[in-house]
Amino acid sequence: TPNTFIFSIANTDKRLAHFRWVGE
């Protein structure tokens, strides 16, 4: 779903393949 966010999520290479990192 574009224009949604998810937290608290780990910053991993696998997840960066599916999401855009916003900030830690």
PDB file of all heavy atoms in Angstrom:
ATOM      1  N   THR A   1       0.832  -1.205   0.000  1.00  0.00           N
ATOM      2  CA  THR A   1       0.000   0.000   0.000  1.00  0.00           C
ATOM      3  C   THR A   1       0.865   1.253   0.000  1.00  0.00           C
ATOM      4  O   THR A   1       1.466   1.597   1.026  1.00  0.00           O
ATOM      5  CB  THR A   1      -0.924   0.033   1.240  1.00  0.00           C
ATOM      6  OG1 THR A   1      -1.554  -1.240   1.400  1.00  0.00           O
ATOM      7  CG2 THR A   1      -1.967   1.134   1.090  1.00  0.00           C
ATOM      8  N   PRO A   2       0.959   1.947  -1.140  1.00  0.00           N
ATOM      9  CA  PRO A   2       1.727   3.197  -1.174  1.00  0.00           C
ATOM     10  C   PRO A   2       1.155   4.235  -0.212  1.00  0.00           C
ATOM     11  O   PRO A   2      -0.010   4.179   0.173  1.00  0.00           O
ATOM     12  CB  PRO A   2       1.582   3.656  -2.635  1.00  0.00           C
ATOM     13  CG  PRO A   2       1.247   2.414  -3.397  1.00  0.00           C
ATOM     14  CD  PRO A   2       0.424   1.575  -2.458  1.00  0.00           C
ATOM     15  N   ASN A   3       2.018   5.175   0.176  1.00  0.00           N
ATOM     16  CA  ASN A   3       1.646   6.267   1.079  1.00  0.00           C
ATOM     17  C   ASN A   3       1.231   5.764   2.461  1.00  0.00           C
ATOM     18  O   ASN A   3       0.375   6.343   3.122  1.00  0.00           O
ATOM     19  CB  ASN A   3       0.547   7.142   0.476  1.00  0.00           C
ATOM     20  CG  ASN A   3       0.996   7.802  -0.820  1.00  0.00           C
ATOM     21  OD1 ASN A   3       2.174   8.138  -0.983  1.00  0.00           O
ATOM     22  ND2 ASN A   3       0.074   7.966  -1.754  1.00  0.00           N
ATOM     23  N   THR A   4       1.845   4.662   2.888  1.00  0.00           N
ATOM     24  CA  THR A   4       1.701   4.176   4.260  1.00  0.00           C
ATOM     25  C   THR A   4       3.106   3.961   4.827  1.00  0.00           C
ATOM     26  O   THR A   4       4.087   3.884   4.099  1.00  0.00           O
ATOM     27  CB  THR A   4       0.922   2.858   4.336  1.00  0.00           C
ATOM     28  OG1 THR A   4       1.662   1.827   3.657  1.00  0.00           O
ATOM     29  CG2 THR A   4      -0.462   3.002   3.723  1.00  0.00           C
ATOM     30  N   PHE A   5       3.156   3.860   6.173  1.00  0.00           N
ATOM     31  CA  PHE A   5       4.428   3.653   6.854  1.00  0.00           C
ATOM     32  C   PHE A   5       4.312   2.418   7.744  1.00  0.00           C
ATOM     33  O   PHE A   5       3.205   1.949   8.036  1.00  0.00           O
ATOM     34  CB  PHE A   5       4.784   4.878   7.712  1.00  0.00           C
ATOM     35  CG  PHE A   5       5.058   6.121   6.907  1.00  0.00           C
ATOM     36  CD1 PHE A   5       4.012   6.920   6.449  1.00  0.00           C
ATOM     37  CD2 PHE A   5       6.363   6.508   6.619  1.00  0.00           C
ATOM     38  CE1 PHE A   5       4.266   8.064   5.715  1.00  0.00           C
ATOM     39  CE2 PHE A   5       6.626   7.657   5.881  1.00  0.00           C
ATOM     40  CZ  PHE A   5       5.573   8.432   5.427  1.00  0.00           C
ATOM     41  N   ILE A   6       5.472   1.919   8.192  1.00  0.00           N
ATOM     42  CA  ILE A   6       5.491   0.791   9.113  1.00  0.00           C
ATOM     43  C   ILE A   6       6.584   1.021  10.157  1.00  0.00           C
ATOM     44  O   ILE A   6       7.655   1.553   9.841  1.00  0.00           O
ATOM     45  CB  ILE A   6       5.717  -0.544   8.369  1.00  0.00           C
ATOM     46  CG1 ILE A   6       5.625  -1.722   9.342  1.00  0.00           C
ATOM     47  CG2 ILE A   6       7.020  -0.545   7.590  1.00  0.00           C
ATOM     48  CD1 ILE A   6       5.580  -3.084   8.659  1.00  0.00           C
ATOM     49  N   PHE A   7       6.281   0.661  11.406  1.00  0.00           N
ATOM     50  CA  PHE A   7       7.248   0.793  12.511  1.00  0.00           C
ATOM     51  C   PHE A   7       6.903  -0.280  13.553  1.00  0.00           C
ATOM     52  O   PHE A   7       5.820  -0.872  13.485  1.00  0.00           O
ATOM     53  CB  PHE A   7       7.152   2.202  13.121  1.00  0.00           C
ATOM     54  CG  PHE A   7       5.906   2.413  13.953  1.00  0.00           C
ATOM     55  CD1 PHE A   7       5.959   2.357  15.349  1.00  0.00           C
ATOM     56  CD2 PHE A   7       4.661   2.646  13.357  1.00  0.00           C
ATOM     57  CE1 PHE A   7       4.804   2.546  16.127  1.00  0.00           C
ATOM     58  CE2 PHE A   7       3.514   2.836  14.122  1.00  0.00           C
ATOM     59  CZ  PHE A   7       3.591   2.787  15.514  1.00  0.00           C
ATOM     60  N   SER A   8       7.725  -0.585  14.495  1.00  0.00           N
ATOM     61  CA  SER A   8       9.158  -0.363  14.569  1.00  0.00           C
ATOM     62  C   SER A   8       9.818  -1.487  13.779  1.00  0.00           C
ATOM     63  O   SER A   8       9.678  -2.649  14.139  1.00  0.00           O
ATOM     64  CB  SER A   8       9.634  -0.404  16.022  1.00  0.00           C
ATOM     65  OG  SER A   8       8.944   0.559  16.828  1.00  0.00           O
ATOM     66  N   ILE A   9      10.521  -1.129  12.731  1.00  0.00           N
ATOM     67  CA  ILE A   9      11.041  -2.112  11.783  1.00  0.00           C
ATOM     68  C   ILE A   9      12.558  -2.017  11.712  1.00  0.00           C
ATOM     69  O   ILE A   9      13.121  -0.916  11.790  1.00  0.00           O
ATOM     70  CB  ILE A   9      10.405  -1.902  10.390  1.00  0.00           C
ATOM     71  CG1 ILE A   9      10.791  -3.032   9.437  1.00  0.00           C
ATOM     72  CG2 ILE A   9      10.762  -0.543   9.818  1.00  0.00           C
ATOM     73  CD1 ILE A   9       9.993  -3.032   8.140  1.00  0.00           C
ATOM     74  N   ALA A  10      13.211  -3.180  11.613  1.00  0.00           N
ATOM     75  CA  ALA A  10      14.668  -3.212  11.525  1.00  0.00           C
ATOM     76  C   ALA A  10      15.128  -2.812  10.131  1.00  0.00           C
ATOM     77  O   ALA A  10      14.471  -3.105   9.128  1.00  0.00           O
ATOM     78  CB  ALA A  10      15.188  -4.604  11.880  1.00  0.00           C
ATOM     79  N   ASN A  11      16.257  -2.161  10.082  1.00  0.00           N
ATOM     80  CA  ASN A  11      16.845  -1.734   8.814  1.00  0.00           C
ATOM     81  C   ASN A  11      17.770  -2.837   8.303  1.00  0.00           C
ATOM     82  O   ASN A  11      18.942  -2.905   8.661  1.00  0.00           O
ATOM     83  CB  ASN A  11      17.618  -0.432   9.021  1.00  0.00           C
ATOM     84  CG  ASN A  11      18.160   0.130   7.721  1.00  0.00           C
ATOM     85  OD1 ASN A  11      17.986  -0.457   6.659  1.00  0.00           O
ATOM     86  ND2 ASN A  11      18.824   1.272   7.798  1.00  0.00           N
ATOM     87  N   THR A  12      17.221  -3.732   7.497  1.00  0.00           N
ATOM     88  CA  THR A  12      18.001  -4.839   6.939  1.00  0.00           C
ATOM     89  C   THR A  12      18.009  -4.751   5.417  1.00  0.00           C
ATOM     90  O   THR A  12      17.126  -4.132   4.812  1.00  0.00           O
ATOM     91  CB  THR A  12      17.414  -6.199   7.353  1.00  0.00           C
ATOM     92  OG1 THR A  12      16.122  -6.355   6.737  1.00  0.00           O
ATOM     93  CG2 THR A  12      17.268  -6.298   8.863  1.00  0.00           C
ATOM     94  N   ASP A  13      19.003  -5.378   4.807  1.00  0.00           N
ATOM     95  CA  ASP A  13      19.088  -5.372   3.342  1.00  0.00           C
ATOM     96  C   ASP A  13      17.846  -6.005   2.719  1.00  0.00           C
ATOM     97  O   ASP A  13      17.338  -5.534   1.694  1.00  0.00           O
ATOM     98  CB  ASP A  13      20.335  -6.131   2.882  1.00  0.00           C
ATOM     99  CG  ASP A  13      21.618  -5.388   3.222  1.00  0.00           C
ATOM    100  OD1 ASP A  13      21.542  -4.169   3.451  1.00  0.00           O
ATOM    101  OD2 ASP A  13      22.680  -6.031   3.276  1.00  0.00           O
ATOM    102  N   LYS A  14      17.354  -7.076   3.334  1.00  0.00           N
ATOM    103  CA  LYS A  14      16.174  -7.756   2.796  1.00  0.00           C
ATOM    104  C   LYS A  14      14.969  -6.829   2.794  1.00  0.00           C
ATOM    105  O   LYS A  14      14.203  -6.776   1.825  1.00  0.00           O
ATOM    106  CB  LYS A  14      15.883  -9.012   3.618  1.00  0.00           C
ATOM    107  CG  LYS A  14      14.663  -9.765   3.125  1.00  0.00           C
ATOM    108  CD  LYS A  14      14.385 -10.989   3.988  1.00  0.00           C
ATOM    109  CE  LYS A  14      13.120 -11.708   3.503  1.00  0.00           C
ATOM    110  NZ  LYS A  14      12.798 -12.882   4.339  1.00  0.00           N
ATOM    111  N   ARG A  15      14.788  -6.093   3.881  1.00  0.00           N
ATOM    112  CA  ARG A  15      13.623  -5.212   3.952  1.00  0.00           C
ATOM    113  C   ARG A  15      13.776  -3.986   3.069  1.00  0.00           C
ATOM    114  O   ARG A  15      12.782  -3.443   2.583  1.00  0.00           O
ATOM    115  CB  ARG A  15      13.364  -4.840   5.415  1.00  0.00           C
ATOM    116  CG  ARG A  15      12.778  -6.018   6.183  1.00  0.00           C
ATOM    117  CD  ARG A  15      12.689  -5.799   7.661  1.00  0.00           C
ATOM    118  NE  ARG A  15      12.024  -6.947   8.278  1.00  0.00           N
ATOM    119  CZ  ARG A  15      11.907  -7.126   9.586  1.00  0.00           C
ATOM    120  NH1 ARG A  15      12.430  -6.243  10.417  1.00  0.00           N
ATOM    121  NH2 ARG A  15      11.287  -8.184  10.068  1.00  0.00           N
ATOM    122  N   LEU A  16      15.005  -3.543   2.863  1.00  0.00           N
ATOM    123  CA  LEU A  16      15.224  -2.407   1.969  1.00  0.00           C
ATOM    124  C   LEU A  16      14.891  -2.752   0.525  1.00  0.00           C
ATOM    125  O   LEU A  16      14.720  -1.865  -0.306  1.00  0.00           O
ATOM    126  CB  LEU A  16      16.673  -1.930   2.071  1.00  0.00           C
ATOM    127  CG  LEU A  16      17.038  -1.178   3.357  1.00  0.00           C
ATOM    128  CD1 LEU A  16      18.519  -0.825   3.362  1.00  0.00           C
ATOM    129  CD2 LEU A  16      16.194   0.074   3.520  1.00  0.00           C
ATOM    130  N   ALA A  17      14.775  -4.044   0.235  1.00  0.00           N
ATOM    131  CA  ALA A  17      14.358  -4.452  -1.107  1.00  0.00           C
ATOM    132  C   ALA A  17      12.871  -4.206  -1.314  1.00  0.00           C
ATOM    133  O   ALA A  17      12.393  -4.150  -2.443  1.00  0.00           O
ATOM    134  CB  ALA A  17      14.679  -5.937  -1.324  1.00  0.00           C
ATOM    135  N   HIS A  18      12.125  -4.064  -0.213  1.00  0.00           N
ATOM    136  CA  HIS A  18      10.671  -3.887  -0.300  1.00  0.00           C
ATOM    137  C   HIS A  18      10.203  -2.513   0.171  1.00  0.00           C
ATOM    138  O   HIS A  18       9.099  -2.082  -0.173  1.00  0.00           O
ATOM    139  CB  HIS A  18       9.965  -4.953   0.535  1.00  0.00           C
ATOM    140  CG  HIS A  18      10.295  -6.357   0.141  1.00  0.00           C
ATOM    141  ND1 HIS A  18       9.838  -6.927  -1.027  1.00  0.00           N
ATOM    142  CD2 HIS A  18      11.052  -7.306   0.750  1.00  0.00           C
ATOM    143  CE1 HIS A  18      10.296  -8.171  -1.119  1.00  0.00           C
ATOM    144  NE2 HIS A  18      11.026  -8.421  -0.060  1.00  0.00           N
ATOM    145  N   PHE A  19      11.008  -1.839   0.986  1.00  0.00           N
ATOM    146  CA  PHE A  19      10.597  -0.567   1.574  1.00  0.00           C
ATOM    147  C   PHE A  19      11.657   0.508   1.351  1.00  0.00           C
ATOM    148  O   PHE A  19      12.799   0.212   1.017  1.00  0.00           O
ATOM    149  CB  PHE A  19      10.378  -0.724   3.084  1.00  0.00           C
ATOM    150  CG  PHE A  19       9.262  -1.651   3.454  1.00  0.00           C
ATOM    151  CD1 PHE A  19       9.520  -2.955   3.842  1.00  0.00           C
ATOM    152  CD2 PHE A  19       7.936  -1.222   3.426  1.00  0.00           C
ATOM    153  CE1 PHE A  19       8.498  -3.820   4.190  1.00  0.00           C
ATOM    154  CE2 PHE A  19       6.909  -2.073   3.772  1.00  0.00           C
ATOM    155  CZ  PHE A  19       7.193  -3.378   4.145  1.00  0.00           C
ATOM    156  N   ARG A  20      11.227   1.747   1.565  1.00  0.00           N
ATOM    157  CA  ARG A  20      12.156   2.868   1.577  1.00  0.00           C
ATOM    158  C   ARG A  20      12.374   3.282   3.030  1.00  0.00           C
ATOM    159  O   ARG A  20      11.413   3.553   3.753  1.00  0.00           O
ATOM    160  CB  ARG A  20      11.566   4.024   0.768  1.00  0.00           C
ATOM    161  CG  ARG A  20      12.533   5.164   0.551  1.00  0.00           C
ATOM    162  CD  ARG A  20      12.210   5.993  -0.699  1.00  0.00           C
ATOM    163  NE  ARG A  20      10.829   6.007  -1.088  1.00  0.00           N
ATOM    164  CZ  ARG A  20      10.120   7.133  -1.319  1.00  0.00           C
ATOM    165  NH1 ARG A  20      10.676   8.308  -1.156  1.00  0.00           N
ATOM    166  NH2 ARG A  20       8.878   7.072  -1.717  1.00  0.00           N
ATOM    167  N   TRP A  21      13.607   3.313   3.454  1.00  0.00           N
ATOM    168  CA  TRP A  21      13.931   3.655   4.837  1.00  0.00           C
ATOM    169  C   TRP A  21      13.682   5.142   5.076  1.00  0.00           C
ATOM    170  O   TRP A  21      14.094   5.987   4.292  1.00  0.00           O
ATOM    171  CB  TRP A  21      15.385   3.298   5.127  1.00  0.00           C
ATOM    172  CG  TRP A  21      15.817   3.520   6.543  1.00  0.00           C
ATOM    173  CD1 TRP A  21      16.678   4.466   7.000  1.00  0.00           C
ATOM    174  CD2 TRP A  21      15.416   2.762   7.691  1.00  0.00           C
ATOM    175  NE1 TRP A  21      16.850   4.338   8.360  1.00  0.00           N
ATOM    176  CE2 TRP A  21      16.088   3.307   8.808  1.00  0.00           C
ATOM    177  CE3 TRP A  21      14.561   1.677   7.874  1.00  0.00           C
ATOM    178  CZ2 TRP A  21      15.918   2.807  10.099  1.00  0.00           C
ATOM    179  CZ3 TRP A  21      14.388   1.169   9.145  1.00  0.00           C
ATOM    180  CH2 TRP A  21      15.057   1.726  10.241  1.00  0.00           C
ATOM    181  N   VAL A  22      13.002   5.454   6.193  1.00  0.00           N
ATOM    182  CA  VAL A  22      12.710   6.840   6.532  1.00  0.00           C
ATOM    183  C   VAL A  22      13.681   7.350   7.585  1.00  0.00           C
ATOM    184  O   VAL A  22      14.264   8.427   7.446  1.00  0.00           O
ATOM    185  CB  VAL A  22      11.256   6.989   7.020  1.00  0.00           C
ATOM    186  CG1 VAL A  22      10.992   8.410   7.514  1.00  0.00           C
ATOM    187  CG2 VAL A  22      10.284   6.622   5.904  1.00  0.00           C
ATOM    188  N   GLY A  23      13.844   6.592   8.658  1.00  0.00           N
ATOM    189  CA  GLY A  23      14.780   7.019   9.695  1.00  0.00           C
ATOM    190  C   GLY A  23      14.738   6.104  10.895  1.00  0.00           C
ATOM    191  O   GLY A  23      13.735   5.442  11.160  1.00  0.00           O
ATOM    192  N   GLU A  24      15.837   6.077  11.624  1.00  0.00           N
ATOM    193  CA  GLU A  24      15.920   5.227  12.802  1.00  0.00           C
ATOM    194  C   GLU A  24      15.660   6.037  14.070  1.00  0.00           C
ATOM    195  O   GLU A  24      15.829   7.262  14.091  1.00  0.00           O
ATOM    196  CB  GLU A  24      17.293   4.562  12.892  1.00  0.00           C
ATOM    197  CG  GLU A  24      18.434   5.528  13.181  1.00  0.00           C
ATOM    198  CD  GLU A  24      19.771   4.816  13.217  1.00  0.00           C
ATOM    199  OE1 GLU A  24      20.299   4.542  12.138  1.00  0.00           O
ATOM    200  OE2 GLU A  24      20.267   4.560  14.330  1.00  0.00           O
TER     201      GLU A  24
END
